[in-house]
Amino acid sequence: MKVGDIVKVKMENESGLWKIAEIKEAGIGIVDFLVATEATKSKKEARRLIEQGGCYINNKRVGLDKRVTTDDLASESIIVLRTGKKNYRLVRFE
């Protein structure tokens, strides 16, 4: 799956939530997910971050083989994405 397979990724006005309109059943790779939510600027930076152990989904460290699916939701429609020590993002799925 490529980033282009996501229908919409955008920052909502002032709510601080990233919104993804659709995710396929097979999921999206963690590297593409980090780039789509602008947590990293490039795929290379995303891979380096993950390899160094600095990427968490719902406070669980993830590896390069991780695919983000609806099973990763922390609530009905939210995923908590953390990169590094203090950089948090909330990603909402519709």
Protein backbone atom coordinates (compact mmCIF):
# COMPACT_ATOMS: atom_id res chain seq x y z
CA MET A 1 0.00 0.00 0.00
CA LYS A 2 1.25 3.46 -0.84
CA VAL A 3 0.47 6.79 0.79
CA GLY A 4 -1.67 7.59 -2.25
CA ASP A 5 -4.05 4.80 -1.22
CA ILE A 6 -5.21 6.88 1.73
CA VAL A 7 -8.17 8.97 0.66
CA LYS A 8 -7.44 11.99 2.88
CA VAL A 9 -4.82 12.92 5.42
CA LYS A 10 -5.19 16.39 6.83
CA MET A 11 -4.79 18.37 9.99
CA GLU A 12 -8.11 19.47 11.42
CA ASN A 13 -8.47 23.11 12.36
CA GLU A 14 -7.02 23.82 15.82
CA SER A 15 -8.16 20.46 17.25
CA GLY A 16 -4.69 18.98 16.89
CA LEU A 17 -6.06 15.80 15.29
CA TRP A 18 -4.81 14.23 12.09
CA LYS A 19 -7.67 12.76 10.14
CA ILE A 20 -7.49 9.79 7.79
CA ALA A 21 -10.68 9.21 5.87
CA GLU A 22 -10.13 5.61 4.87
CA ILE A 23 -7.74 2.78 5.56
CA LYS A 24 -7.84 -0.48 3.67
CA GLU A 25 -8.30 -3.77 5.53
CA ALA A 26 -4.67 -4.78 4.87
CA GLY A 27 -3.48 -1.63 6.59
CA ILE A 28 -0.73 0.83 5.81
CA GLY A 29 2.95 0.34 6.52
CA ILE A 30 4.30 2.24 9.50
CA VAL A 31 6.85 4.11 7.38
CA ASP A 32 4.15 5.40 5.02
CA PHE A 33 1.93 6.18 8.02
CA LEU A 34 4.63 8.36 9.62
CA VAL A 35 5.19 10.27 6.38
CA ALA A 36 1.43 10.69 5.72
CA THR A 37 0.83 12.19 9.16
CA GLU A 38 3.93 14.38 8.78
CA ALA A 39 5.52 12.88 11.88
CA THR A 40 8.65 12.53 9.73
CA LYS A 41 9.68 14.38 6.59
CA SER A 42 10.89 11.38 4.62
CA LYS A 43 10.76 7.60 4.51
CA LYS A 44 14.47 7.45 5.34
CA GLU A 45 13.92 9.52 8.48
CA ALA A 46 10.96 7.30 9.42
CA ARG A 47 13.01 4.10 9.01
CA ARG A 48 15.83 5.54 11.12
CA LEU A 49 13.40 6.59 13.85
CA ILE A 50 11.83 3.12 13.99
CA GLU A 51 15.18 1.30 13.92
CA GLN A 52 16.37 3.40 16.87
CA GLY A 53 13.23 2.48 18.84
CA GLY A 54 11.60 5.91 18.82
CA CYS A 55 8.17 5.14 17.35
CA TYR A 56 5.16 4.10 19.42
CA ILE A 57 1.52 3.43 18.61
CA ASN A 58 -0.70 3.57 21.69
CA ASN A 59 2.47 3.51 23.85
CA LYS A 60 3.71 0.24 22.32
CA ARG A 61 7.02 0.33 20.47
CA VAL A 62 6.70 -0.70 16.83
CA GLY A 63 9.12 -2.22 14.33
CA LEU A 64 9.59 -1.78 10.59
CA ASP A 65 7.26 -4.70 9.83
CA LYS A 66 4.28 -3.00 11.57
CA ARG A 67 1.13 -2.37 9.52
CA VAL A 68 -1.37 0.10 10.96
CA THR A 69 -4.90 -1.31 10.81
CA THR A 70 -8.20 -0.72 12.52
CA ASP A 71 -7.06 -3.22 15.18
CA ASP A 72 -4.64 -0.54 16.43
CA LEU A 73 -7.35 1.92 17.42
CA ALA A 74 -7.06 3.12 21.03
CA SER A 75 -10.73 4.14 21.07
CA GLU A 76 -13.50 3.94 18.49
CA SER A 77 -11.64 6.08 15.98
CA ILE A 78 -8.35 7.38 17.49
CA ILE A 79 -4.75 6.17 17.38
CA VAL A 80 -2.10 7.79 19.59
CA LEU A 81 1.15 8.13 17.65
CA ARG A 82 4.30 9.06 19.55
CA THR A 83 7.66 9.74 17.99
CA GLY A 84 10.59 10.37 20.25
CA LYS A 85 10.10 11.27 23.87
CA LYS A 86 7.49 14.03 23.75
CA ASN A 87 6.08 14.32 20.21
CA TYR A 88 2.47 13.06 20.31
CA ARG A 89 -0.14 13.01 17.54
CA LEU A 90 -3.73 11.90 17.60
CA VAL A 91 -4.88 10.30 14.36
CA ARG A 92 -8.61 9.94 13.79
CA PHE A 93 -10.05 7.41 11.35
CA GLU A 94 -13.43 7.95 9.72
